Amino acid sequence: MMLALQTKNKTGFIDGTVMKSTTDDVLALQWDRCNYVVLSWILNSISEELFSGQVFSKYAKTVWDELKETYDKIDGSITFNLHKKINTISQNGDSLSDYYHKLNSLWKQFDALVKLPSCGCDNTEFKSHDDLIKLMQFLMGLDECYHAVISNILTRETLPSVQNAFSIMSREESQRDSSSATSSGSALKSQ
């Protein structure tokens, strides 16, 4: 929702920085129109149960604040469950692409929830460490058929990024698929 509001330059209606004019009626009417547009966006993006509790609201900021106060709670159990999913996910016969995208989605959720503290130091070491953890999580969840390629990656002097590892694995998957298609085509011709 924030992405849509930022794209349309309407975050001021939910954070209170855009105020309704008390001196200019035309500006006040424009503010009302924009407020109702933002309010309708919010109401259209929530579940029916939540909608019924907010349908008579007049101000986008009020609805936003109430929803944020009620539902925007991140506690240890949410972080724990997300971290557990990341560390237990495995390919289990899914396509490599499906597995990677599921894992990548979990990483993005985790990164959005758990922010590193800001500091004046060089963050490249933190980024390198985070990239290494993600690479290891990706490799650990792969099916056994990738064992040789995983070993090859891990014995490199410089480890690839998780994106490059995915690319390497994708080429391996394509090679394996084309080899099996060739073998099954040859088997059919010999019958």
N, C-alpha and C. Protein backbone atom coordinates (compact mmCIF):
# COMPACT_ATOMS: atom_id res chain seq x y z
N MET A 1 0.83 -1.18 0.00
CA MET A 1 0.00 0.00 0.00
C MET A 1 0.87 1.25 0.00
N MET A 2 1.93 1.23 0.82
CA MET A 2 2.82 2.39 0.87
C MET A 2 3.43 2.66 -0.49
N LEU A 3 3.77 1.62 -1.22
CA LEU A 3 4.36 1.78 -2.54
C LEU A 3 3.39 2.53 -3.46
N ALA A 4 2.12 2.13 -3.43
CA ALA A 4 1.11 2.79 -4.27
C ALA A 4 0.95 4.25 -3.85
N LEU A 5 0.92 4.50 -2.55
CA LEU A 5 0.76 5.87 -2.07
C LEU A 5 1.97 6.74 -2.42
N GLN A 6 3.16 6.17 -2.31
CA GLN A 6 4.37 6.92 -2.66
C GLN A 6 4.42 7.20 -4.15
N THR A 7 4.01 6.22 -4.94
CA THR A 7 4.00 6.39 -6.39
C THR A 7 3.08 7.53 -6.80
N LYS A 8 1.96 7.64 -6.15
CA LYS A 8 0.98 8.68 -6.47
C LYS A 8 1.22 9.97 -5.68
N ASN A 9 2.30 10.00 -4.89
CA ASN A 9 2.64 11.17 -4.09
C ASN A 9 1.50 11.54 -3.13
N LYS A 10 0.96 10.52 -2.45
CA LYS A 10 -0.19 10.73 -1.55
C LYS A 10 0.09 10.32 -0.11
N THR A 11 1.32 10.06 0.25
CA THR A 11 1.62 9.65 1.62
C THR A 11 1.27 10.73 2.64
N GLY A 12 1.25 11.97 2.21
CA GLY A 12 0.91 13.07 3.12
C GLY A 12 -0.50 12.96 3.68
N PHE A 13 -1.37 12.23 3.00
CA PHE A 13 -2.75 12.07 3.49
C PHE A 13 -2.84 11.04 4.61
N ILE A 14 -1.84 10.19 4.73
CA ILE A 14 -1.88 9.22 5.82
C ILE A 14 -0.92 9.56 6.95
N ASP A 15 0.06 10.40 6.67
CA ASP A 15 0.98 10.78 7.75
C ASP A 15 0.67 12.16 8.32
N GLY A 16 -0.32 12.83 7.75
CA GLY A 16 -0.77 14.12 8.29
C GLY A 16 0.02 15.32 7.82
N THR A 17 0.94 15.13 6.89
CA THR A 17 1.73 16.29 6.44
C THR A 17 0.99 17.14 5.41
N VAL A 18 -0.02 16.58 4.77
CA VAL A 18 -0.86 17.37 3.85
C VAL A 18 -2.13 17.72 4.61
N MET A 19 -2.26 18.98 4.93
CA MET A 19 -3.39 19.44 5.74
C MET A 19 -4.47 20.08 4.86
N LYS A 20 -5.70 19.97 5.30
CA LYS A 20 -6.82 20.59 4.60
C LYS A 20 -6.77 22.10 4.81
N SER A 21 -6.94 22.83 3.74
CA SER A 21 -6.89 24.30 3.82
C SER A 21 -8.11 24.82 4.59
N THR A 22 -7.85 25.75 5.46
CA THR A 22 -8.94 26.40 6.21
C THR A 22 -9.23 27.79 5.66
N THR A 23 -8.42 28.23 4.70
CA THR A 23 -8.59 29.59 4.17
C THR A 23 -9.04 29.63 2.73
N ASP A 24 -8.85 28.55 1.99
CA ASP A 24 -9.18 28.52 0.56
C ASP A 24 -10.15 27.37 0.30
N ASP A 25 -11.39 27.71 -0.06
CA ASP A 25 -12.42 26.68 -0.28
C ASP A 25 -12.09 25.75 -1.45
N VAL A 26 -11.49 26.28 -2.49
CA VAL A 26 -11.13 25.45 -3.65
C VAL A 26 -10.08 24.41 -3.25
N LEU A 27 -9.07 24.85 -2.51
CA LEU A 27 -8.04 23.92 -2.03
C LEU A 27 -8.64 22.90 -1.06
N ALA A 28 -9.58 23.33 -0.25
CA ALA A 28 -10.23 22.42 0.70
C ALA A 28 -11.00 21.33 -0.05
N LEU A 29 -11.69 21.71 -1.13
CA LEU A 29 -12.43 20.74 -1.94
C LEU A 29 -11.46 19.76 -2.63
N GLN A 30 -10.34 20.28 -3.13
CA GLN A 30 -9.34 19.41 -3.74
C GLN A 30 -8.76 18.43 -2.71
N TRP A 31 -8.52 18.94 -1.49
CA TRP A 31 -8.00 18.08 -0.44
C TRP A 31 -9.02 16.98 -0.13
N ASP A 32 -10.31 17.34 -0.03
CA ASP A 32 -11.36 16.35 0.24
C ASP A 32 -11.36 15.26 -0.84
N ARG A 33 -11.28 15.68 -2.10
CA ARG A 33 -11.30 14.73 -3.21
C ARG A 33 -10.10 13.77 -3.11
N CYS A 34 -8.93 14.30 -2.89
CA CYS A 34 -7.73 13.45 -2.76
C CYS A 34 -7.83 12.54 -1.54
N ASN A 35 -8.32 13.07 -0.43
CA ASN A 35 -8.49 12.27 0.78
C ASN A 35 -9.41 11.08 0.51
N TYR A 36 -10.51 11.32 -0.21
CA TYR A 36 -11.46 10.23 -0.50
C TYR A 36 -10.85 9.21 -1.47
N VAL A 37 -10.02 9.66 -2.38
CA VAL A 37 -9.35 8.74 -3.29
C VAL A 37 -8.42 7.83 -2.48
N VAL A 38 -7.61 8.42 -1.60
CA VAL A 38 -6.69 7.65 -0.77
C VAL A 38 -7.48 6.71 0.15
N LEU A 39 -8.55 7.22 0.74
CA LEU A 39 -9.39 6.39 1.60
C LEU A 39 -9.96 5.21 0.83
N SER A 40 -10.42 5.44 -0.39
CA SER A 40 -10.97 4.33 -1.19
C SER A 40 -9.88 3.32 -1.54
N TRP A 41 -8.65 3.77 -1.80
CA TRP A 41 -7.55 2.84 -2.06
C TRP A 41 -7.31 1.96 -0.85
N ILE A 42 -7.28 2.57 0.32
CA ILE A 42 -7.05 1.80 1.55
C ILE A 42 -8.17 0.80 1.76
N LEU A 43 -9.41 1.26 1.65
CA LEU A 43 -10.56 0.37 1.90
C LEU A 43 -10.64 -0.76 0.87
N ASN A 44 -10.23 -0.49 -0.36
CA ASN A 44 -10.26 -1.54 -1.39
C ASN A 44 -9.13 -2.55 -1.23
N SER A 45 -8.15 -2.24 -0.41
CA SER A 45 -7.02 -3.17 -0.26
C SER A 45 -7.10 -4.00 1.01
N ILE A 46 -8.15 -3.82 1.82
CA ILE A 46 -8.27 -4.59 3.06
C ILE A 46 -9.37 -5.64 2.93
N SER A 47 -9.38 -6.58 3.84
CA SER A 47 -10.38 -7.66 3.80
C SER A 47 -11.77 -7.11 4.08
N GLU A 48 -12.77 -7.92 3.75
CA GLU A 48 -14.16 -7.52 3.94
C GLU A 48 -14.49 -7.26 5.40
N GLU A 49 -13.91 -8.07 6.29
CA GLU A 49 -14.16 -7.91 7.73
C GLU A 49 -13.64 -6.56 8.21
N LEU A 50 -12.45 -6.20 7.77
CA LEU A 50 -11.87 -4.92 8.16
C LEU A 50 -12.61 -3.76 7.51
N PHE A 51 -13.03 -3.97 6.27
CA PHE A 51 -13.75 -2.95 5.53
C PHE A 51 -15.02 -2.52 6.26
N SER A 52 -15.78 -3.50 6.74
CA SER A 52 -17.05 -3.18 7.39
C SER A 52 -16.86 -2.33 8.64
N GLY A 53 -15.71 -2.44 9.29
CA GLY A 53 -15.43 -1.62 10.46
C GLY A 53 -14.95 -0.22 10.12
N GLN A 54 -14.58 0.01 8.86
CA GLN A 54 -14.02 1.31 8.47
C GLN A 54 -14.84 2.03 7.41
N VAL A 55 -15.90 1.42 6.91
CA VAL A 55 -16.63 1.94 5.77
C VAL A 55 -17.21 3.34 5.99
N PHE A 56 -17.49 3.71 7.23
CA PHE A 56 -18.09 5.02 7.48
C PHE A 56 -17.06 6.08 7.87
N SER A 57 -15.80 5.73 7.80
CA SER A 57 -14.74 6.68 8.12
C SER A 57 -14.64 7.74 7.04
N LYS A 58 -14.20 8.94 7.44
CA LYS A 58 -14.12 10.04 6.49
C LYS A 58 -12.69 10.45 6.16
N TYR A 59 -11.74 10.02 6.97
CA TYR A 59 -10.37 10.49 6.77
C TYR A 59 -9.42 9.33 6.60
N ALA A 60 -8.62 9.40 5.54
CA ALA A 60 -7.64 8.36 5.24
C ALA A 60 -6.66 8.20 6.40
N LYS A 61 -6.23 9.30 6.99
CA LYS A 61 -5.26 9.25 8.08
C LYS A 61 -5.82 8.49 9.28
N THR A 62 -7.07 8.71 9.62
CA THR A 62 -7.69 8.03 10.75
C THR A 62 -7.74 6.52 10.52
N VAL A 63 -8.18 6.12 9.34
CA VAL A 63 -8.25 4.69 9.01
C VAL A 63 -6.85 4.09 9.02
N TRP A 64 -5.90 4.78 8.40
CA TRP A 64 -4.53 4.29 8.35
C TRP A 64 -3.97 4.10 9.76
N ASP A 65 -4.16 5.11 10.63
CA ASP A 65 -3.64 5.04 11.99
C ASP A 65 -4.28 3.89 12.78
N GLU A 66 -5.59 3.70 12.62
CA GLU A 66 -6.28 2.62 13.33
C GLU A 66 -5.79 1.24 12.86
N LEU A 67 -5.65 1.08 11.55
CA LEU A 67 -5.17 -0.20 11.02
C LEU A 67 -3.73 -0.45 11.44
N LYS A 68 -2.93 0.58 11.39
CA LYS A 68 -1.51 0.44 11.79
C LYS A 68 -1.41 0.08 13.27
N GLU A 69 -2.17 0.74 14.11
CA GLU A 69 -2.13 0.48 15.55
C GLU A 69 -2.61 -0.93 15.87
N THR A 70 -3.60 -1.40 15.13
CA THR A 70 -4.17 -2.72 15.40
C THR A 70 -3.38 -3.86 14.79
N TYR A 71 -2.90 -3.70 13.56
CA TYR A 71 -2.36 -4.84 12.84
C TYR A 71 -0.87 -4.77 12.50
N ASP A 72 -0.25 -3.65 12.67
CA ASP A 72 1.16 -3.52 12.30
C ASP A 72 2.05 -3.83 13.50
N LYS A 73 1.93 -5.04 14.00
CA LYS A 73 2.69 -5.48 15.16
C LYS A 73 3.66 -6.57 14.74
N ILE A 74 4.92 -6.34 15.00
CA ILE A 74 5.93 -7.34 14.71
C ILE A 74 6.56 -7.74 16.03
N ASP A 75 6.40 -9.00 16.37
CA ASP A 75 7.00 -9.47 17.61
C ASP A 75 7.96 -10.62 17.29
N GLY A 76 8.54 -11.16 18.32
CA GLY A 76 9.51 -12.22 18.14
C GLY A 76 8.97 -13.45 17.45
N SER A 77 7.69 -13.76 17.66
CA SER A 77 7.15 -14.98 17.04
C SER A 77 7.05 -14.84 15.52
N ILE A 78 6.73 -13.66 15.03
CA ILE A 78 6.66 -13.45 13.58
C ILE A 78 8.05 -13.57 12.98
N THR A 79 9.02 -12.94 13.61
CA THR A 79 10.39 -13.01 13.14
C THR A 79 10.91 -14.45 13.21
N PHE A 80 10.62 -15.13 14.30
CA PHE A 80 11.05 -16.52 14.48
C PHE A 80 10.47 -17.41 13.39
N ASN A 81 9.15 -17.31 13.15
CA ASN A 81 8.50 -18.17 12.15
C ASN A 81 9.04 -17.91 10.75
N LEU A 82 9.30 -16.66 10.43
CA LEU A 82 9.85 -16.34 9.12
C LEU A 82 11.27 -16.88 8.98
N HIS A 83 12.06 -16.71 10.03
CA HIS A 83 13.43 -17.23 10.02
C HIS A 83 13.43 -18.76 9.92
N LYS A 84 12.49 -19.39 10.60
CA LYS A 84 12.38 -20.86 10.54
C LYS A 84 12.03 -21.32 9.13
N LYS A 85 11.09 -20.62 8.48
CA LYS A 85 10.72 -20.98 7.11
C LYS A 85 11.93 -20.87 6.19
N ILE A 86 12.70 -19.79 6.35
CA ILE A 86 13.88 -19.59 5.51
C ILE A 86 14.88 -20.73 5.69
N ASN A 87 15.08 -21.13 6.93
CA ASN A 87 16.10 -22.14 7.21
C ASN A 87 15.63 -23.57 7.01
N THR A 88 14.35 -23.79 6.78
CA THR A 88 13.87 -25.15 6.55
C THR A 88 13.33 -25.37 5.14
N ILE A 89 13.25 -24.33 4.36
CA ILE A 89 12.74 -24.49 3.00
C ILE A 89 13.71 -25.34 2.19
N SER A 90 13.15 -26.18 1.35
CA SER A 90 13.99 -26.98 0.46
C SER A 90 13.26 -27.15 -0.87
N GLN A 91 14.01 -27.53 -1.86
CA GLN A 91 13.48 -27.64 -3.21
C GLN A 91 12.43 -28.73 -3.30
N ASN A 92 12.66 -29.88 -2.71
CA ASN A 92 11.71 -31.00 -2.68
C ASN A 92 11.08 -31.31 -4.04
N GLY A 93 11.90 -31.34 -5.07
CA GLY A 93 11.39 -31.71 -6.39
C GLY A 93 10.76 -30.56 -7.17
N ASP A 94 10.59 -29.39 -6.55
CA ASP A 94 10.08 -28.23 -7.29
C ASP A 94 11.10 -27.83 -8.34
N SER A 95 10.66 -27.04 -9.29
CA SER A 95 11.63 -26.52 -10.25
C SER A 95 12.59 -25.60 -9.49
N LEU A 96 13.77 -25.45 -10.01
CA LEU A 96 14.78 -24.59 -9.40
C LEU A 96 14.26 -23.16 -9.30
N SER A 97 13.58 -22.72 -10.32
CA SER A 97 13.05 -21.36 -10.35
C SER A 97 12.01 -21.15 -9.24
N ASP A 98 11.10 -22.10 -9.08
CA ASP A 98 10.07 -21.98 -8.04
C ASP A 98 10.71 -21.93 -6.65
N TYR A 99 11.67 -22.82 -6.43
CA TYR A 99 12.37 -22.84 -5.14
C TYR A 99 13.07 -21.52 -4.87
N TYR A 100 13.82 -21.03 -5.85
CA TYR A 100 14.57 -19.79 -5.67
C TYR A 100 13.63 -18.61 -5.39
N HIS A 101 12.54 -18.53 -6.12
CA HIS A 101 11.63 -17.40 -5.95
C HIS A 101 10.90 -17.44 -4.60
N LYS A 102 10.57 -18.64 -4.13
CA LYS A 102 9.98 -18.76 -2.79
C LYS A 102 10.97 -18.29 -1.72
N LEU A 103 12.20 -18.75 -1.84
CA LEU A 103 13.24 -18.37 -0.88
C LEU A 103 13.53 -16.88 -0.95
N ASN A 104 13.61 -16.35 -2.14
CA ASN A 104 13.87 -14.92 -2.33
C ASN A 104 12.75 -14.08 -1.73
N SER A 105 11.52 -14.53 -1.87
CA SER A 105 10.38 -13.83 -1.28
C SER A 105 10.49 -13.81 0.24
N LEU A 106 10.86 -14.93 0.83
CA LEU A 106 11.04 -15.00 2.29
C LEU A 106 12.16 -14.07 2.75
N TRP A 107 13.26 -14.03 1.99
CA TRP A 107 14.37 -13.13 2.34
C TRP A 107 13.91 -11.68 2.32
N LYS A 108 13.14 -11.33 1.32
CA LYS A 108 12.67 -9.94 1.22
C LYS A 108 11.74 -9.59 2.37
N GLN A 109 10.86 -10.53 2.75
CA GLN A 109 10.00 -10.29 3.90
C GLN A 109 10.83 -10.10 5.17
N PHE A 110 11.81 -10.96 5.34
CA PHE A 110 12.66 -10.89 6.53
C PHE A 110 13.44 -9.58 6.56
N ASP A 111 14.01 -9.19 5.44
CA ASP A 111 14.77 -7.94 5.37
C ASP A 111 13.88 -6.73 5.65
N ALA A 112 12.61 -6.80 5.23
CA ALA A 112 11.68 -5.70 5.49
C ALA A 112 11.31 -5.63 6.97
N LEU A 113 11.21 -6.77 7.63
CA LEU A 113 10.83 -6.80 9.04
C LEU A 113 11.99 -6.51 9.99
N VAL A 114 13.14 -7.04 9.67
CA VAL A 114 14.28 -6.95 10.59
C VAL A 114 15.32 -6.02 9.97
N LYS A 115 15.36 -4.82 10.45
CA LYS A 115 16.30 -3.81 9.95
C LYS A 115 17.58 -3.85 10.76
N LEU A 116 18.70 -3.76 10.06
CA LEU A 116 19.97 -3.63 10.75
C LEU A 116 20.06 -2.22 11.31
N PRO A 117 20.67 -2.06 12.47
CA PRO A 117 20.83 -0.71 13.00
C PRO A 117 21.74 0.10 12.09
N SER A 118 21.42 1.37 11.93
CA SER A 118 22.25 2.20 11.07
C SER A 118 23.49 2.65 11.85
N CYS A 119 24.55 2.81 11.11
CA CYS A 119 25.79 3.27 11.73
C CYS A 119 26.58 4.05 10.69
N GLY A 120 27.58 4.73 11.13
CA GLY A 120 28.41 5.51 10.23
C GLY A 120 29.53 4.69 9.62
N CYS A 121 29.52 3.40 9.86
CA CYS A 121 30.60 2.54 9.38
C CYS A 121 30.34 2.06 7.95
N ASP A 122 31.30 1.36 7.41
CA ASP A 122 31.20 0.80 6.07
C ASP A 122 30.31 -0.44 6.13
N ASN A 123 29.19 -0.42 5.44
CA ASN A 123 28.24 -1.53 5.49
C ASN A 123 28.57 -2.66 4.53
N THR A 124 29.67 -2.57 3.79
CA THR A 124 29.97 -3.63 2.83
C THR A 124 30.25 -4.95 3.51
N GLU A 125 30.81 -4.92 4.72
CA GLU A 125 31.05 -6.18 5.45
C GLU A 125 29.74 -6.82 5.86
N PHE A 126 28.76 -6.01 6.31
CA PHE A 126 27.44 -6.55 6.65
C PHE A 126 26.77 -7.13 5.42
N LYS A 127 26.87 -6.44 4.30
CA LYS A 127 26.25 -6.89 3.05
C LYS A 127 26.91 -8.20 2.59
N SER A 128 28.22 -8.28 2.68
CA SER A 128 28.93 -9.50 2.29
C SER A 128 28.52 -10.67 3.17
N HIS A 129 28.40 -10.41 4.47
CA HIS A 129 27.98 -11.47 5.39
C HIS A 129 26.55 -11.93 5.08
N ASP A 130 25.66 -10.99 4.84
CA ASP A 130 24.27 -11.31 4.50
C ASP A 130 24.21 -12.11 3.20
N ASP A 131 25.01 -11.72 2.22
CA ASP A 131 25.04 -12.45 0.94
C ASP A 131 25.55 -13.87 1.13
N LEU A 132 26.55 -14.05 1.99
CA LEU A 132 27.09 -15.38 2.26
C LEU A 132 26.03 -16.27 2.93
N ILE A 133 25.31 -15.72 3.90
CA ILE A 133 24.25 -16.49 4.59
C ILE A 133 23.19 -16.91 3.59
N LYS A 134 22.78 -16.00 2.71
CA LYS A 134 21.75 -16.32 1.72
C LYS A 134 22.24 -17.37 0.74
N LEU A 135 23.49 -17.28 0.33
CA LEU A 135 24.04 -18.29 -0.57
C LEU A 135 24.00 -19.66 0.09
N MET A 136 24.42 -19.74 1.34
CA MET A 136 24.43 -21.03 2.05
C MET A 136 23.01 -21.57 2.22
N GLN A 137 22.06 -20.71 2.55
CA GLN A 137 20.67 -21.15 2.70
C GLN A 137 20.13 -21.70 1.38
N PHE A 138 20.45 -21.00 0.29
CA PHE A 138 20.02 -21.46 -1.04
C PHE A 138 20.61 -22.82 -1.36
N LEU A 139 21.92 -22.96 -1.17
CA LEU A 139 22.58 -24.22 -1.52
C LEU A 139 22.11 -25.37 -0.64
N MET A 140 21.87 -25.11 0.65
CA MET A 140 21.45 -26.18 1.57
C MET A 140 20.09 -26.75 1.21
N GLY A 141 19.22 -25.95 0.60
CA GLY A 141 17.88 -26.43 0.30
C GLY A 141 17.74 -27.12 -1.04
N LEU A 142 18.80 -27.14 -1.82
CA LEU A 142 18.72 -27.76 -3.14
C LEU A 142 18.61 -29.28 -3.05
N ASP A 143 18.00 -29.87 -4.06
CA ASP A 143 17.87 -31.33 -4.13
C ASP A 143 19.25 -31.97 -4.29
N GLU A 144 19.34 -33.25 -3.95
CA GLU A 144 20.61 -33.99 -3.99
C GLU A 144 21.23 -34.05 -5.38
N CYS A 145 20.42 -33.95 -6.42
CA CYS A 145 20.95 -34.06 -7.78
C CYS A 145 21.92 -32.92 -8.10
N TYR A 146 21.94 -31.87 -7.31
CA TYR A 146 22.85 -30.74 -7.53
C TYR A 146 24.11 -30.84 -6.68
N HIS A 147 24.32 -31.94 -6.01
CA HIS A 147 25.43 -32.08 -5.07
C HIS A 147 26.79 -31.77 -5.72
N ALA A 148 27.03 -32.29 -6.91
CA ALA A 148 28.33 -32.06 -7.58
C ALA A 148 28.53 -30.57 -7.89
N VAL A 149 27.49 -29.91 -8.34
CA VAL A 149 27.60 -28.48 -8.67
C VAL A 149 27.80 -27.66 -7.40
N ILE A 150 27.11 -28.04 -6.33
CA ILE A 150 27.27 -27.36 -5.04
C ILE A 150 28.72 -27.48 -4.57
N SER A 151 29.28 -28.68 -4.67
CA SER A 151 30.68 -28.89 -4.28
C SER A 151 31.61 -28.02 -5.10
N ASN A 152 31.34 -27.95 -6.39
CA ASN A 152 32.14 -27.12 -7.28
C ASN A 152 32.09 -25.65 -6.85
N ILE A 153 30.92 -25.17 -6.52
CA ILE A 153 30.76 -23.77 -6.10
C ILE A 153 31.49 -23.52 -4.79
N LEU A 154 31.34 -24.44 -3.84
CA LEU A 154 31.93 -24.23 -2.51
C LEU A 154 33.45 -24.32 -2.50
N THR A 155 34.05 -24.95 -3.51
CA THR A 155 35.50 -25.06 -3.54
C THR A 155 36.16 -23.91 -4.31
N ARG A 156 35.36 -23.01 -4.82
CA ARG A 156 35.93 -21.84 -5.50
C ARG A 156 36.62 -20.92 -4.50
N GLU A 157 37.61 -20.24 -4.98
CA GLU A 157 38.32 -19.30 -4.11
C GLU A 157 37.42 -18.14 -3.72
N THR A 158 36.66 -17.64 -4.68
CA THR A 158 35.70 -16.57 -4.41
C THR A 158 34.30 -17.14 -4.65
N LEU A 159 33.48 -17.09 -3.63
CA LEU A 159 32.12 -17.62 -3.76
C LEU A 159 31.26 -16.67 -4.58
N PRO A 160 30.38 -17.21 -5.40
CA PRO A 160 29.50 -16.36 -6.20
C PRO A 160 28.37 -15.77 -5.35
N SER A 161 27.71 -14.78 -5.88
CA SER A 161 26.50 -14.27 -5.23
C SER A 161 25.42 -15.33 -5.36
N VAL A 162 24.37 -15.18 -4.60
CA VAL A 162 23.27 -16.15 -4.68
C VAL A 162 22.61 -16.09 -6.06
N GLN A 163 22.59 -14.91 -6.66
CA GLN A 163 22.02 -14.78 -8.01
C GLN A 163 22.87 -15.55 -9.03
N ASN A 164 24.19 -15.43 -8.89
CA ASN A 164 25.08 -16.17 -9.80
C ASN A 164 24.99 -17.67 -9.56
N ALA A 165 24.86 -18.07 -8.30
CA ALA A 165 24.70 -19.50 -7.99
C ALA A 165 23.41 -20.03 -8.60
N PHE A 166 22.34 -19.24 -8.52
CA PHE A 166 21.08 -19.63 -9.15
C PHE A 166 21.26 -19.79 -10.66
N SER A 167 21.98 -18.86 -11.26
CA SER A 167 22.25 -18.92 -12.70
C SER A 167 23.03 -20.18 -13.06
N ILE A 168 24.04 -20.50 -12.26
CA ILE A 168 24.83 -21.72 -12.49
C ILE A 168 23.93 -22.96 -12.38
N MET A 169 23.11 -22.98 -11.35
CA MET A 169 22.20 -24.12 -11.15
C MET A 169 21.16 -24.21 -12.26
N SER A 170 20.71 -23.06 -12.76
CA SER A 170 19.73 -23.06 -13.85
C SER A 170 20.34 -23.66 -15.11
N ARG A 171 21.59 -23.32 -15.38
CA ARG A 171 22.26 -23.91 -16.55
C ARG A 171 22.39 -25.43 -16.38
N GLU A 172 22.71 -25.84 -15.17
CA GLU A 172 22.81 -27.28 -14.87
C GLU A 172 21.46 -27.95 -15.08
N GLU A 173 20.39 -27.32 -14.59
CA GLU A 173 19.04 -27.87 -14.73
C GLU A 173 18.67 -27.97 -16.22
N SER A 174 18.98 -26.93 -17.00
CA SER A 174 18.68 -26.94 -18.44
C SER A 174 19.45 -28.05 -19.14
N GLN A 175 20.73 -28.17 -18.78
CA GLN A 175 21.56 -29.23 -19.36
C GLN A 175 20.99 -30.61 -19.03
N ARG A 176 20.59 -30.79 -17.77
CA ARG A 176 20.04 -32.08 -17.33
C ARG A 176 18.73 -32.36 -18.07
N ASP A 177 17.87 -31.33 -18.21
CA ASP A 177 16.59 -31.51 -18.90
C ASP A 177 16.79 -31.85 -20.38
N SER A 178 17.75 -31.18 -21.02
CA SER A 178 17.97 -31.47 -22.45
C SER A 178 18.60 -32.85 -22.63
N SER A 179 19.44 -33.27 -21.70
CA SER A 179 20.03 -34.61 -21.78
C SER A 179 18.97 -35.69 -21.59
N SER A 180 18.07 -35.48 -20.64
CA SER A 180 17.02 -36.49 -20.42
C SER A 180 16.03 -36.52 -21.57
N ALA A 181 15.78 -35.35 -22.20
CA ALA A 181 14.87 -35.32 -23.36
C ALA A 181 15.51 -36.05 -24.53
N THR A 182 16.83 -35.89 -24.71
CA THR A 182 17.55 -36.58 -25.78
C THR A 182 17.55 -38.08 -25.57
N SER A 183 17.77 -38.51 -24.30
CA SER A 183 17.79 -39.95 -24.00
C SER A 183 16.42 -40.57 -24.18
N SER A 184 15.37 -39.88 -23.78
CA SER A 184 14.04 -40.46 -23.92
C SER A 184 13.63 -40.46 -25.40
N GLY A 185 14.09 -39.49 -26.17
CA GLY A 185 13.82 -39.49 -27.61
C GLY A 185 14.53 -40.64 -28.31
N SER A 186 15.76 -40.93 -27.90
CA SER A 186 16.52 -42.05 -28.45
C SER A 186 15.87 -43.38 -28.08
N ALA A 187 15.36 -43.47 -26.86
CA ALA A 187 14.71 -44.71 -26.40
C ALA A 187 13.45 -44.97 -27.20
N LEU A 188 12.70 -43.92 -27.54
CA LEU A 188 11.48 -44.09 -28.31
C LEU A 188 11.79 -44.53 -29.75
N LYS A 189 12.86 -44.00 -30.34
CA LYS A 189 13.22 -44.37 -31.69
C LYS A 189 13.66 -45.82 -31.80
N SER A 190 14.31 -46.33 -30.74
CA SER A 190 14.80 -47.71 -30.77
C SER A 190 13.69 -48.74 -30.59
N GLN A 191 12.52 -48.31 -30.18
CA GLN A 191 11.41 -49.26 -29.99
C GLN A 191 10.77 -49.49 -31.27
